[in-house]
Amino acid sequence: MEAAELAHLRRARDLLDREYARPLDVPAMARAALMSPSLFARRFREAYGDTPYGYLQTRRVERAMALLRHGRMSVTDVCMAVGFTSLGSFSSTFTRLVGEPPSAYKARDHSRLVPVPPCMTRAWARPGWIEQPCRIGEAFPPGRA
């Protein structure tokens, strides 16, 4: 992949990182990368190891995890704040990526993360990519620790 193409893909990825809460579709992402939607989807997966939509969902769940750790918002409010339009899809996506439902994640004690700088908390609490659970003990399935 050429450097210019990677620069265009980074522009689209930056859009996803910045505008995760608003409705984004592949054609809008592809426009940011100056590519056709089909080429964009292929190249994005080659460069970042995930589909554009999968990457967007992960960003949304990461932000949801941060909001739920603070405990000031309800799960429904968090769902809407991070760009999901359905509580059901939010809950199933959150559970798939994190390994537990958002309500259980919110109810858990997160005090061990308080003395940790926010940049490290984000890295440690990052949801796993599709099949991988979080590796830091954030949310292992029952029976694992």
N, C-alpha and C. Protein backbone atom coordinates (compact mmCIF):
# COMPACT_ATOMS: atom_id res chain seq x y z
N MET A 1 0.84 -1.17 0.00
CA MET A 1 0.00 0.00 0.00
C MET A 1 0.89 1.25 0.00
N GLU A 2 0.54 2.20 -0.82
CA GLU A 2 1.35 3.41 -0.95
C GLU A 2 1.12 4.37 0.22
N ALA A 3 2.10 5.23 0.46
CA ALA A 3 2.02 6.19 1.57
C ALA A 3 0.83 7.14 1.40
N ALA A 4 0.57 7.56 0.16
CA ALA A 4 -0.55 8.48 -0.07
C ALA A 4 -1.88 7.81 0.27
N GLU A 5 -2.00 6.54 -0.08
CA GLU A 5 -3.23 5.81 0.23
C GLU A 5 -3.40 5.65 1.74
N LEU A 6 -2.31 5.38 2.45
CA LEU A 6 -2.36 5.28 3.90
C LEU A 6 -2.75 6.61 4.54
N ALA A 7 -2.28 7.70 3.97
CA ALA A 7 -2.65 9.02 4.49
C ALA A 7 -4.15 9.26 4.34
N HIS A 8 -4.71 8.84 3.23
CA HIS A 8 -6.16 8.98 3.02
C HIS A 8 -6.93 8.10 4.02
N LEU A 9 -6.43 6.89 4.25
CA LEU A 9 -7.09 6.01 5.21
C LEU A 9 -7.00 6.58 6.63
N ARG A 10 -5.87 7.19 6.97
CA ARG A 10 -5.74 7.81 8.29
C ARG A 10 -6.73 8.95 8.45
N ARG A 11 -6.97 9.67 7.38
CA ARG A 11 -7.96 10.76 7.43
C ARG A 11 -9.35 10.21 7.77
N ALA A 12 -9.70 9.10 7.16
CA ALA A 12 -10.99 8.47 7.46
C ALA A 12 -11.01 7.90 8.87
N ARG A 13 -9.92 7.28 9.30
CA ARG A 13 -9.86 6.75 10.67
C ARG A 13 -9.95 7.87 11.69
N ASP A 14 -9.31 9.00 11.41
CA ASP A 14 -9.42 10.15 12.30
C ASP A 14 -10.86 10.65 12.39
N LEU A 15 -11.57 10.61 11.26
CA LEU A 15 -12.98 10.97 11.26
C LEU A 15 -13.76 10.04 12.19
N LEU A 16 -13.50 8.74 12.12
CA LEU A 16 -14.18 7.77 12.98
C LEU A 16 -13.84 8.02 14.45
N ASP A 17 -12.60 8.31 14.74
CA ASP A 17 -12.19 8.58 16.12
C ASP A 17 -12.84 9.84 16.67
N ARG A 18 -12.97 10.83 15.84
CA ARG A 18 -13.49 12.14 16.25
C ARG A 18 -15.01 12.20 16.26
N GLU A 19 -15.64 11.61 15.27
CA GLU A 19 -17.09 11.74 15.08
C GLU A 19 -17.85 10.44 15.35
N TYR A 20 -17.32 9.61 16.26
CA TYR A 20 -17.92 8.30 16.52
C TYR A 20 -19.39 8.37 16.93
N ALA A 21 -19.81 9.47 17.55
CA ALA A 21 -21.18 9.56 18.09
C ALA A 21 -22.22 9.94 17.05
N ARG A 22 -21.79 10.40 15.90
CA ARG A 22 -22.81 10.76 14.90
C ARG A 22 -22.97 9.61 13.89
N PRO A 23 -24.09 9.61 13.19
CA PRO A 23 -24.31 8.53 12.21
C PRO A 23 -23.27 8.59 11.09
N LEU A 24 -22.55 7.52 10.90
CA LEU A 24 -21.55 7.42 9.84
C LEU A 24 -21.78 6.13 9.07
N ASP A 25 -21.72 6.22 7.76
CA ASP A 25 -21.82 5.02 6.94
C ASP A 25 -20.58 4.91 6.07
N VAL A 26 -20.41 3.77 5.44
CA VAL A 26 -19.20 3.54 4.64
C VAL A 26 -19.02 4.57 3.53
N PRO A 27 -20.08 4.97 2.80
CA PRO A 27 -19.87 6.01 1.79
C PRO A 27 -19.33 7.32 2.37
N ALA A 28 -19.79 7.72 3.55
CA ALA A 28 -19.27 8.95 4.18
C ALA A 28 -17.81 8.77 4.58
N MET A 29 -17.48 7.60 5.10
CA MET A 29 -16.09 7.32 5.47
C MET A 29 -15.20 7.30 4.22
N ALA A 30 -15.71 6.69 3.15
CA ALA A 30 -14.95 6.59 1.90
C ALA A 30 -14.69 7.97 1.31
N ARG A 31 -15.68 8.86 1.42
CA ARG A 31 -15.48 10.24 0.93
C ARG A 31 -14.32 10.91 1.66
N ALA A 32 -14.22 10.68 2.97
CA ALA A 32 -13.12 11.26 3.75
C ALA A 32 -11.77 10.71 3.29
N ALA A 33 -11.77 9.48 2.78
CA ALA A 33 -10.53 8.85 2.31
C ALA A 33 -10.30 9.06 0.82
N LEU A 34 -11.24 9.75 0.17
CA LEU A 34 -11.15 9.99 -1.27
C LEU A 34 -11.08 8.69 -2.07
N MET A 35 -11.93 7.72 -1.68
CA MET A 35 -11.96 6.42 -2.34
C MET A 35 -13.40 6.02 -2.58
N SER A 36 -13.58 5.02 -3.45
CA SER A 36 -14.91 4.44 -3.62
C SER A 36 -15.21 3.62 -2.36
N PRO A 37 -16.48 3.42 -2.03
CA PRO A 37 -16.80 2.66 -0.83
C PRO A 37 -16.23 1.24 -0.80
N SER A 38 -16.27 0.55 -1.93
CA SER A 38 -15.76 -0.83 -1.93
C SER A 38 -14.23 -0.87 -1.77
N LEU A 39 -13.53 0.02 -2.47
CA LEU A 39 -12.07 0.08 -2.32
C LEU A 39 -11.71 0.50 -0.90
N PHE A 40 -12.41 1.47 -0.38
CA PHE A 40 -12.15 1.94 0.98
C PHE A 40 -12.31 0.79 1.99
N ALA A 41 -13.40 0.05 1.89
CA ALA A 41 -13.64 -1.04 2.84
C ALA A 41 -12.52 -2.08 2.78
N ARG A 42 -12.07 -2.43 1.57
CA ARG A 42 -10.99 -3.41 1.43
C ARG A 42 -9.68 -2.88 1.99
N ARG A 43 -9.34 -1.66 1.61
CA ARG A 43 -8.06 -1.08 2.05
C ARG A 43 -8.03 -0.83 3.55
N PHE A 44 -9.15 -0.39 4.10
CA PHE A 44 -9.22 -0.13 5.53
C PHE A 44 -8.95 -1.42 6.30
N ARG A 45 -9.57 -2.49 5.87
CA ARG A 45 -9.36 -3.78 6.55
C ARG A 45 -7.91 -4.23 6.42
N GLU A 46 -7.32 -4.04 5.24
CA GLU A 46 -5.91 -4.40 5.06
C GLU A 46 -5.01 -3.60 6.00
N ALA A 47 -5.29 -2.32 6.13
CA ALA A 47 -4.43 -1.44 6.92
C ALA A 47 -4.63 -1.59 8.42
N TYR A 48 -5.89 -1.76 8.86
CA TYR A 48 -6.18 -1.72 10.29
C TYR A 48 -6.69 -3.04 10.87
N GLY A 49 -6.85 -4.06 10.05
CA GLY A 49 -7.23 -5.36 10.56
C GLY A 49 -8.68 -5.50 10.98
N ASP A 50 -9.51 -4.56 10.64
CA ASP A 50 -10.93 -4.61 10.98
C ASP A 50 -11.69 -3.83 9.91
N THR A 51 -12.97 -4.12 9.80
CA THR A 51 -13.80 -3.36 8.86
C THR A 51 -14.00 -1.95 9.41
N PRO A 52 -14.33 -1.00 8.54
CA PRO A 52 -14.61 0.35 9.04
C PRO A 52 -15.73 0.37 10.09
N TYR A 53 -16.78 -0.40 9.85
CA TYR A 53 -17.88 -0.44 10.79
C TYR A 53 -17.46 -1.09 12.11
N GLY A 54 -16.66 -2.14 12.05
CA GLY A 54 -16.15 -2.78 13.26
C GLY A 54 -15.28 -1.83 14.06
N TYR A 55 -14.45 -1.06 13.37
CA TYR A 55 -13.60 -0.07 14.03
C TYR A 55 -14.46 0.98 14.72
N LEU A 56 -15.49 1.45 14.03
CA LEU A 56 -16.39 2.45 14.60
C LEU A 56 -17.10 1.91 15.84
N GLN A 57 -17.58 0.67 15.77
CA GLN A 57 -18.26 0.07 16.91
C GLN A 57 -17.31 -0.04 18.11
N THR A 58 -16.06 -0.38 17.86
CA THR A 58 -15.08 -0.49 18.93
C THR A 58 -14.84 0.87 19.58
N ARG A 59 -14.72 1.92 18.76
CA ARG A 59 -14.55 3.27 19.32
C ARG A 59 -15.74 3.64 20.20
N ARG A 60 -16.94 3.33 19.72
CA ARG A 60 -18.14 3.66 20.50
C ARG A 60 -18.16 2.90 21.82
N VAL A 61 -17.79 1.63 21.79
CA VAL A 61 -17.79 0.84 23.02
C VAL A 61 -16.71 1.33 23.98
N GLU A 62 -15.54 1.71 23.46
CA GLU A 62 -14.50 2.28 24.33
C GLU A 62 -15.01 3.50 25.07
N ARG A 63 -15.66 4.39 24.35
CA ARG A 63 -16.19 5.60 24.98
C ARG A 63 -17.29 5.25 25.97
N ALA A 64 -18.13 4.28 25.62
CA ALA A 64 -19.19 3.84 26.53
C ALA A 64 -18.59 3.28 27.82
N MET A 65 -17.50 2.52 27.71
CA MET A 65 -16.86 1.98 28.90
C MET A 65 -16.41 3.11 29.82
N ALA A 66 -15.83 4.15 29.25
CA ALA A 66 -15.38 5.29 30.07
C ALA A 66 -16.56 5.96 30.76
N LEU A 67 -17.64 6.18 30.03
CA LEU A 67 -18.81 6.81 30.64
C LEU A 67 -19.43 5.93 31.71
N LEU A 68 -19.48 4.64 31.49
CA LEU A 68 -20.05 3.72 32.48
C LEU A 68 -19.16 3.62 33.72
N ARG A 69 -17.85 3.70 33.55
CA ARG A 69 -16.94 3.66 34.71
C ARG A 69 -17.21 4.82 35.65
N HIS A 70 -17.54 5.98 35.09
CA HIS A 70 -17.81 7.15 35.94
C HIS A 70 -19.15 7.04 36.64
N GLY A 71 -20.08 6.27 36.09
CA GLY A 71 -21.33 5.96 36.75
C GLY A 71 -22.34 7.08 36.84
N ARG A 72 -22.14 8.18 36.16
CA ARG A 72 -23.07 9.31 36.26
C ARG A 72 -24.25 9.20 35.30
N MET A 73 -24.15 8.37 34.30
CA MET A 73 -25.19 8.25 33.28
C MET A 73 -25.80 6.85 33.31
N SER A 74 -27.06 6.76 32.91
CA SER A 74 -27.69 5.45 32.79
C SER A 74 -27.15 4.74 31.54
N VAL A 75 -27.36 3.45 31.48
CA VAL A 75 -26.91 2.68 30.32
C VAL A 75 -27.59 3.20 29.05
N THR A 76 -28.87 3.54 29.14
CA THR A 76 -29.59 4.06 27.97
C THR A 76 -29.00 5.40 27.52
N ASP A 77 -28.69 6.28 28.46
CA ASP A 77 -28.10 7.57 28.11
C ASP A 77 -26.72 7.39 27.48
N VAL A 78 -25.94 6.46 28.01
CA VAL A 78 -24.62 6.17 27.44
C VAL A 78 -24.78 5.64 26.02
N CYS A 79 -25.73 4.75 25.84
CA CYS A 79 -26.01 4.17 24.52
C CYS A 79 -26.23 5.27 23.48
N MET A 80 -27.07 6.21 23.81
CA MET A 80 -27.39 7.30 22.88
C MET A 80 -26.21 8.27 22.72
N ALA A 81 -25.48 8.51 23.81
CA ALA A 81 -24.36 9.46 23.78
C ALA A 81 -23.22 9.02 22.88
N VAL A 82 -23.04 7.71 22.73
CA VAL A 82 -21.92 7.22 21.93
C VAL A 82 -22.31 6.87 20.49
N GLY A 83 -23.58 7.10 20.13
CA GLY A 83 -23.96 6.95 18.73
C GLY A 83 -24.79 5.74 18.38
N PHE A 84 -25.13 4.90 19.34
CA PHE A 84 -26.03 3.78 19.05
C PHE A 84 -27.46 4.31 19.05
N THR A 85 -28.30 3.74 18.21
CA THR A 85 -29.69 4.16 18.16
C THR A 85 -30.62 3.14 18.79
N SER A 86 -30.08 1.98 19.14
CA SER A 86 -30.88 0.91 19.72
C SER A 86 -30.16 0.35 20.95
N LEU A 87 -30.88 0.29 22.06
CA LEU A 87 -30.30 -0.26 23.29
C LEU A 87 -29.94 -1.73 23.11
N GLY A 88 -30.74 -2.45 22.34
CA GLY A 88 -30.46 -3.86 22.09
C GLY A 88 -29.16 -4.08 21.33
N SER A 89 -28.94 -3.30 20.27
CA SER A 89 -27.68 -3.46 19.51
C SER A 89 -26.50 -2.98 20.33
N PHE A 90 -26.69 -1.94 21.14
CA PHE A 90 -25.62 -1.47 22.02
C PHE A 90 -25.24 -2.57 23.01
N SER A 91 -26.24 -3.14 23.66
CA SER A 91 -25.97 -4.17 24.67
C SER A 91 -25.29 -5.40 24.06
N SER A 92 -25.78 -5.84 22.90
CA SER A 92 -25.17 -7.04 22.30
C SER A 92 -23.76 -6.75 21.80
N THR A 93 -23.53 -5.57 21.22
CA THR A 93 -22.18 -5.21 20.76
C THR A 93 -21.24 -5.06 21.95
N PHE A 94 -21.69 -4.37 22.99
CA PHE A 94 -20.88 -4.19 24.20
C PHE A 94 -20.51 -5.55 24.79
N THR A 95 -21.49 -6.43 24.93
CA THR A 95 -21.25 -7.75 25.51
C THR A 95 -20.28 -8.56 24.66
N ARG A 96 -20.43 -8.49 23.35
CA ARG A 96 -19.54 -9.24 22.44
C ARG A 96 -18.10 -8.75 22.56
N LEU A 97 -17.91 -7.43 22.64
CA LEU A 97 -16.55 -6.88 22.67
C LEU A 97 -15.93 -6.90 24.06
N VAL A 98 -16.71 -6.67 25.09
CA VAL A 98 -16.17 -6.54 26.44
C VAL A 98 -16.25 -7.84 27.23
N GLY A 99 -17.27 -8.64 26.96
CA GLY A 99 -17.39 -9.90 27.65
C GLY A 99 -18.43 -9.91 28.75
N GLU A 100 -19.10 -8.79 28.96
CA GLU A 100 -20.18 -8.71 29.94
C GLU A 100 -21.12 -7.58 29.53
N PRO A 101 -22.38 -7.63 29.99
CA PRO A 101 -23.35 -6.60 29.61
C PRO A 101 -22.97 -5.23 30.20
N PRO A 102 -23.42 -4.16 29.58
CA PRO A 102 -23.08 -2.83 30.08
C PRO A 102 -23.55 -2.58 31.51
N SER A 103 -24.70 -3.10 31.89
CA SER A 103 -25.20 -2.89 33.26
C SER A 103 -24.28 -3.55 34.28
N ALA A 104 -23.77 -4.75 33.96
CA ALA A 104 -22.84 -5.43 34.86
C ALA A 104 -21.51 -4.69 34.91
N TYR A 105 -21.06 -4.19 33.77
CA TYR A 105 -19.81 -3.42 33.73
C TYR A 105 -19.94 -2.16 34.58
N LYS A 106 -21.07 -1.48 34.46
CA LYS A 106 -21.28 -0.25 35.23
C LYS A 106 -21.31 -0.54 36.72
N ALA A 107 -21.94 -1.66 37.13
CA ALA A 107 -22.10 -1.99 38.54
C ALA A 107 -20.78 -2.42 39.20
N ARG A 108 -19.82 -2.84 38.41
CA ARG A 108 -18.56 -3.33 38.96
C ARG A 108 -17.76 -2.19 39.58
N ASP A 109 -16.91 -2.54 40.55
CA ASP A 109 -16.03 -1.56 41.20
C ASP A 109 -14.86 -1.25 40.26
N HIS A 110 -14.74 0.02 39.90
CA HIS A 110 -13.65 0.45 39.01
C HIS A 110 -12.62 1.29 39.76
N SER A 111 -12.64 1.22 41.08
CA SER A 111 -11.76 2.07 41.88
C SER A 111 -10.29 1.79 41.65
N ARG A 112 -9.94 0.57 41.22
CA ARG A 112 -8.53 0.27 40.98
C ARG A 112 -7.97 1.07 39.80
N LEU A 113 -8.85 1.64 38.97
CA LEU A 113 -8.39 2.44 37.84
C LEU A 113 -8.27 3.92 38.18
N VAL A 114 -8.74 4.35 39.36
CA VAL A 114 -8.74 5.77 39.72
C VAL A 114 -7.34 6.36 39.73
N PRO A 115 -6.33 5.72 40.36
CA PRO A 115 -5.01 6.35 40.40
C PRO A 115 -4.23 6.25 39.09
N VAL A 116 -4.81 5.63 38.09
CA VAL A 116 -4.14 5.43 36.82
C VAL A 116 -4.45 6.61 35.89
N PRO A 117 -3.44 7.16 35.21
CA PRO A 117 -3.70 8.26 34.28
C PRO A 117 -4.70 7.84 33.20
N PRO A 118 -5.55 8.78 32.75
CA PRO A 118 -6.58 8.44 31.76
C PRO A 118 -6.04 7.79 30.49
N CYS A 119 -4.86 8.18 30.03
CA CYS A 119 -4.33 7.57 28.80
C CYS A 119 -4.05 6.08 29.00
N MET A 120 -3.61 5.69 30.20
CA MET A 120 -3.35 4.28 30.48
C MET A 120 -4.66 3.53 30.71
N THR A 121 -5.63 4.18 31.36
CA THR A 121 -6.93 3.56 31.58
C THR A 121 -7.56 3.20 30.25
N ARG A 122 -7.48 4.12 29.28
CA ARG A 122 -8.04 3.84 27.96
C ARG A 122 -7.36 2.64 27.33
N ALA A 123 -6.06 2.55 27.44
CA ALA A 123 -5.34 1.42 26.85
C ALA A 123 -5.67 0.12 27.57
N TRP A 124 -5.69 0.14 28.88
CA TRP A 124 -5.96 -1.08 29.64
C TRP A 124 -7.39 -1.55 29.49
N ALA A 125 -8.32 -0.62 29.35
CA ALA A 125 -9.74 -0.97 29.30
C ALA A 125 -10.27 -1.13 27.89
N ARG A 126 -9.41 -1.05 26.91
CA ARG A 126 -9.84 -1.17 25.51
C ARG A 126 -10.48 -2.52 25.26
N PRO A 127 -11.66 -2.52 24.66
CA PRO A 127 -12.30 -3.81 24.38
C PRO A 127 -11.49 -4.60 23.37
N GLY A 128 -11.54 -5.91 23.49
CA GLY A 128 -10.80 -6.77 22.58
C GLY A 128 -11.39 -6.71 21.19
N TRP A 129 -10.59 -7.05 20.22
CA TRP A 129 -11.07 -7.08 18.83
C TRP A 129 -11.88 -8.33 18.63
N ILE A 130 -13.13 -8.20 18.30
CA ILE A 130 -14.10 -9.22 17.97
C ILE A 130 -13.99 -10.49 18.84
N GLU A 131 -13.09 -11.42 18.56
CA GLU A 131 -13.06 -12.69 19.29
C GLU A 131 -12.22 -12.63 20.57
N GLN A 132 -11.44 -11.59 20.77
CA GLN A 132 -10.54 -11.56 21.91
C GLN A 132 -11.16 -10.80 23.08
N PRO A 133 -11.22 -11.41 24.27
CA PRO A 133 -11.69 -10.65 25.43
C PRO A 133 -10.60 -9.66 25.86
N CYS A 134 -10.96 -8.70 26.68
CA CYS A 134 -9.98 -7.78 27.22
C CYS A 134 -8.90 -8.59 27.94
N ARG A 135 -7.68 -8.22 27.78
CA ARG A 135 -6.58 -9.02 28.31
C ARG A 135 -6.12 -8.58 29.69
N ILE A 136 -6.71 -7.57 30.26
CA ILE A 136 -6.22 -7.08 31.55
C ILE A 136 -7.14 -7.44 32.70
N GLY A 137 -8.06 -8.35 32.50
CA GLY A 137 -8.96 -8.73 33.55
C GLY A 137 -10.16 -7.82 33.66
N GLU A 138 -10.36 -6.93 32.70
CA GLU A 138 -11.49 -6.01 32.74
C GLU A 138 -12.81 -6.76 32.69
N ALA A 139 -12.89 -7.75 31.85
CA ALA A 139 -14.18 -8.44 31.71
C ALA A 139 -13.99 -9.83 31.13
N PHE A 140 -13.44 -10.70 31.90
CA PHE A 140 -13.30 -12.07 31.43
C PHE A 140 -14.63 -12.80 31.61
N PRO A 141 -14.93 -13.73 30.72
CA PRO A 141 -16.13 -14.54 30.89
C PRO A 141 -16.07 -15.28 32.24
N PRO A 142 -17.21 -15.68 32.79
CA PRO A 142 -17.22 -16.38 34.08
C PRO A 142 -16.27 -17.57 34.06
N GLY A 143 -15.55 -17.73 35.16
CA GLY A 143 -14.61 -18.86 35.27
C GLY A 143 -13.20 -18.52 34.87
N ARG A 144 -12.98 -17.36 34.25
CA ARG A 144 -11.62 -16.94 33.86
C ARG A 144 -11.22 -15.75 34.69
N ALA A 145 -9.95 -15.64 35.00
CA ALA A 145 -9.44 -14.46 35.70
C ALA A 145 -7.95 -14.36 35.55
